[in-house]
PDB file of N, CA and C in Angstrom:
ATOM      1  N   TYR A   1       0.822  -1.189   0.000  1.00  0.00           N
ATOM      2  CA  TYR A   1       0.000   0.000   0.000  1.00  0.00           C
ATOM      3  C   TYR A   1       0.864   1.250   0.000  1.00  0.00           C
ATOM      4  N   ALA A   2       1.920   1.222   0.746  1.00  0.00           N
ATOM      5  CA  ALA A   2       2.797   2.393   0.833  1.00  0.00           C
ATOM      6  C   ALA A   2       3.399   2.739  -0.522  1.00  0.00           C
ATOM      7  N   ASN A   3       3.746   1.723  -1.294  1.00  0.00           N
ATOM      8  CA  ASN A   3       4.318   1.949  -2.619  1.00  0.00           C
ATOM      9  C   ASN A   3       3.303   2.662  -3.519  1.00  0.00           C
ATOM     10  N   LEU A   4       2.061   2.216  -3.500  1.00  0.00           N
ATOM     11  CA  LEU A   4       1.006   2.844  -4.291  1.00  0.00           C
ATOM     12  C   LEU A   4       0.799   4.286  -3.840  1.00  0.00           C
ATOM     13  N   TYR A   5       0.767   4.494  -2.555  1.00  0.00           N
ATOM     14  CA  TYR A   5       0.599   5.834  -1.987  1.00  0.00           C
ATOM     15  C   TYR A   5       1.693   6.772  -2.488  1.00  0.00           C
ATOM     16  N   MET A   6       2.928   6.300  -2.457  1.00  0.00           N
ATOM     17  CA  MET A   6       4.053   7.123  -2.913  1.00  0.00           C
ATOM     18  C   MET A   6       3.936   7.448  -4.402  1.00  0.00           C
ATOM     19  N   LYS A   7       3.513   6.471  -5.201  1.00  0.00           N
ATOM     20  CA  LYS A   7       3.349   6.704  -6.639  1.00  0.00           C
ATOM     21  C   LYS A   7       2.288   7.774  -6.901  1.00  0.00           C
ATOM     22  N   CYS A   8       1.234   7.777  -6.111  1.00  0.00           N
ATOM     23  CA  CYS A   8       0.150   8.748  -6.302  1.00  0.00           C
ATOM     24  C   CYS A   8       0.597  10.175  -5.996  1.00  0.00           C
ATOM     25  N   TRP A   9       1.619  10.331  -5.178  1.00  0.00           N
ATOM     26  CA  TRP A   9       2.119  11.656  -4.814  1.00  0.00           C
ATOM     27  C   TRP A   9       3.400  12.022  -5.561  1.00  0.00           C
ATOM     28  N   GLU A  10       3.689  11.303  -6.628  1.00  0.00           N
ATOM     29  CA  GLU A  10       4.862  11.589  -7.458  1.00  0.00           C
ATOM     30  C   GLU A  10       4.809  13.055  -7.906  1.00  0.00           C
ATOM     31  N   SER A  11       5.943  13.744  -7.861  1.00  0.00           N
ATOM     32  CA  SER A  11       5.973  15.170  -8.211  1.00  0.00           C
ATOM     33  C   SER A  11       5.674  15.422  -9.685  1.00  0.00           C
ATOM     34  N   GLU A  12       6.006  14.469 -10.537  1.00  0.00           N
ATOM     35  CA  GLU A  12       5.714  14.607 -11.964  1.00  0.00           C
ATOM     36  C   GLU A  12       4.408  13.870 -12.270  1.00  0.00           C
ATOM     37  N   PRO A  13       3.368  14.610 -12.634  1.00  0.00           N
ATOM     38  CA  PRO A  13       2.052  13.996 -12.848  1.00  0.00           C
ATOM     39  C   PRO A  13       2.043  12.809 -13.808  1.00  0.00           C
ATOM     40  N   GLU A  14       2.869  12.841 -14.844  1.00  0.00           N
ATOM     41  CA  GLU A  14       2.864  11.739 -15.815  1.00  0.00           C
ATOM     42  C   GLU A  14       3.404  10.439 -15.224  1.00  0.00           C
ATOM     43  N   LYS A  15       4.065  10.527 -14.075  1.00  0.00           N
ATOM     44  CA  LYS A  15       4.576   9.329 -13.403  1.00  0.00           C
ATOM     45  C   LYS A  15       3.553   8.740 -12.433  1.00  0.00           C
ATOM     46  N   ARG A  16       2.476   9.473 -12.176  1.00  0.00           N
ATOM     47  CA  ARG A  16       1.439   8.990 -11.263  1.00  0.00           C
ATOM     48  C   ARG A  16       0.586   7.929 -11.951  1.00  0.00           C
ATOM     49  N   PRO A  17       0.083   6.965 -11.185  1.00  0.00           N
ATOM     50  CA  PRO A  17      -0.756   5.922 -11.790  1.00  0.00           C
ATOM     51  C   PRO A  17      -2.117   6.480 -12.209  1.00  0.00           C
ATOM     52  N   THR A  18      -2.699   5.844 -13.210  1.00  0.00           N
ATOM     53  CA  THR A  18      -4.052   6.205 -13.626  1.00  0.00           C
ATOM     54  C   THR A  18      -5.041   5.631 -12.614  1.00  0.00           C
ATOM     55  N   LEU A  19      -6.277   6.086 -12.688  1.00  0.00           N
ATOM     56  CA  LEU A  19      -7.301   5.558 -11.792  1.00  0.00           C
ATOM     57  C   LEU A  19      -7.460   4.054 -11.999  1.00  0.00           C
ATOM     58  N   HIS A  20      -7.405   3.621 -13.234  1.00  0.00           N
ATOM     59  CA  HIS A  20      -7.509   2.187 -13.533  1.00  0.00           C
ATOM     60  C   HIS A  20      -6.362   1.413 -12.866  1.00  0.00           C
ATOM     61  N   GLU A  21      -5.151   1.935 -12.950  1.00  0.00           N
ATOM     62  CA  GLU A  21      -3.996   1.277 -12.323  1.00  0.00           C
ATOM     63  C   GLU A  21      -4.149   1.240 -10.803  1.00  0.00           C
ATOM     64  N   ILE A  22      -4.674   2.311 -10.233  1.00  0.00           N
ATOM     65  CA  ILE A  22      -4.888   2.367  -8.783  1.00  0.00           C
ATOM     66  C   ILE A  22      -5.907   1.308  -8.368  1.00  0.00           C
ATOM     67  N   LEU A  23      -7.021   1.248  -9.082  1.00  0.00           N
ATOM     68  CA  LEU A  23      -8.058   0.268  -8.745  1.00  0.00           C
ATOM     69  C   LEU A  23      -7.555  -1.158  -8.899  1.00  0.00           C
ATOM     70  N   THR A  24      -6.801  -1.414  -9.948  1.00  0.00           N
ATOM     71  CA  THR A  24      -6.234  -2.743 -10.165  1.00  0.00           C
ATOM     72  C   THR A  24      -5.313  -3.131  -9.015  1.00  0.00           C
ATOM     73  N   GLU A  25      -4.479  -2.204  -8.603  1.00  0.00           N
ATOM     74  CA  GLU A  25      -3.549  -2.483  -7.502  1.00  0.00           C
ATOM     75  C   GLU A  25      -4.298  -2.688  -6.185  1.00  0.00           C
ATOM     76  N   LEU A  26      -5.331  -1.897  -5.930  1.00  0.00           N
ATOM     77  CA  LEU A  26      -6.113  -2.064  -4.704  1.00  0.00           C
ATOM     78  C   LEU A  26      -6.837  -3.409  -4.688  1.00  0.00           C
ATOM     79  N   GLU A  27      -7.334  -3.841  -5.836  1.00  0.00           N
ATOM     80  CA  GLU A  27      -7.964  -5.161  -5.921  1.00  0.00           C
ATOM     81  C   GLU A  27      -6.945  -6.259  -5.640  1.00  0.00           C
ATOM     82  N   ARG A  28      -5.747  -6.119  -6.196  1.00  0.00           N
ATOM     83  CA  ARG A  28      -4.691  -7.107  -5.968  1.00  0.00           C
ATOM     84  C   ARG A  28      -4.333  -7.169  -4.483  1.00  0.00           C
ATOM     85  N   LEU A  29      -4.191  -6.005  -3.865  1.00  0.00           N
ATOM     86  CA  LEU A  29      -3.859  -5.957  -2.440  1.00  0.00           C
ATOM     87  C   LEU A  29      -4.973  -6.575  -1.593  1.00  0.00           C
ATOM     88  N   SER A  30      -6.207  -6.312  -1.966  1.00  0.00           N
ATOM     89  CA  SER A  30      -7.342  -6.865  -1.237  1.00  0.00           C
ATOM     90  C   SER A  30      -7.340  -8.389  -1.293  1.00  0.00           C
ATOM     91  N   LYS A  31      -7.086  -8.941  -2.470  1.00  0.00           N
ATOM     92  CA  LYS A  31      -7.026 -10.398  -2.621  1.00  0.00           C
ATOM     93  C   LYS A  31      -5.867 -10.977  -1.821  1.00  0.00           C
ATOM     94  N   GLU A  32      -4.755 -10.286  -1.819  1.00  0.00           N
ATOM     95  CA  GLU A  32      -3.584 -10.747  -1.066  1.00  0.00           C
ATOM     96  C   GLU A  32      -3.893 -10.784   0.428  1.00  0.00           C
ATOM     97  N   ILE A  33      -4.561  -9.762   0.920  1.00  0.00           N
ATOM     98  CA  ILE A  33      -4.937  -9.704   2.331  1.00  0.00           C
ATOM     99  C   ILE A  33      -5.911 -10.833   2.662  1.00  0.00           C
ATOM    100  N   GLU A  34      -6.857 -11.075   1.755  1.00  0.00           N
ATOM    101  CA  GLU A  34      -7.819 -12.163   1.941  1.00  0.00           C
ATOM    102  C   GLU A  34      -7.114 -13.510   2.056  1.00  0.00           C
ATOM    103  N   ILE A  35      -6.173 -13.761   1.171  1.00  0.00           N
ATOM    104  CA  ILE A  35      -5.419 -15.019   1.175  1.00  0.00           C
ATOM    105  C   ILE A  35      -4.634 -15.160   2.475  1.00  0.00           C
ATOM    106  N   LEU A  36      -3.974 -14.098   2.886  1.00  0.00           N
ATOM    107  CA  LEU A  36      -3.201 -14.146   4.128  1.00  0.00           C
ATOM    108  C   LEU A  36      -4.104 -14.401   5.329  1.00  0.00           C
ATOM    109  N   SER A  37      -5.288 -13.828   5.313  1.00  0.00           N
ATOM    110  CA  SER A  37      -6.238 -14.036   6.400  1.00  0.00           C
ATOM    111  C   SER A  37      -6.664 -15.500   6.475  1.00  0.00           C
ATOM    112  N   VAL A  38      -6.935 -16.104   5.322  1.00  0.00           N
ATOM    113  CA  VAL A  38      -7.322 -17.519   5.277  1.00  0.00           C
ATOM    114  C   VAL A  38      -6.178 -18.387   5.791  1.00  0.00           C
ATOM    115  N   ILE A  39      -4.972 -18.088   5.357  1.00  0.00           N
ATOM    116  CA  ILE A  39      -3.802 -18.857   5.791  1.00  0.00           C
ATOM    117  C   ILE A  39      -3.627 -18.745   7.302  1.00  0.00           C
ATOM    118  N   ASN A  40      -3.745 -17.535   7.833  1.00  0.00           N
ATOM    119  CA  ASN A  40      -3.559 -17.328   9.271  1.00  0.00           C
ATOM    120  C   ASN A  40      -4.638 -18.024  10.100  1.00  0.00           C
ATOM    121  N   HIS A  41      -5.847 -18.101   9.576  1.00  0.00           N
ATOM    122  CA  HIS A  41      -6.931 -18.751  10.313  1.00  0.00           C
ATOM    123  C   HIS A  41      -6.873 -20.273  10.229  1.00  0.00           C
ATOM    124  N   SER A  42      -6.136 -20.786   9.257  1.00  0.00           N
ATOM    125  CA  SER A  42      -6.051 -22.237   9.110  1.00  0.00           C
ATOM    126  C   SER A  42      -4.859 -22.832   9.857  1.00  0.00           C
ATOM    127  N   VAL A  43      -4.052 -21.980  10.455  1.00  0.00           N
ATOM    128  CA  VAL A  43      -2.864 -22.462  11.173  1.00  0.00           C
ATOM    129  C   VAL A  43      -3.230 -22.834  12.583  1.00  0.00           C
TER     130      VAL A  43
END
């Protein structure tokens, strides 16, 4: 999440992610958190 946050505040606007890229990354992070939660609950 921190990496995405930093990219969004890039000083050069053309280096910032698009809304589509942001949403894609947030979905990926959400799935990763879900998987980790399942793993932690099964231990």
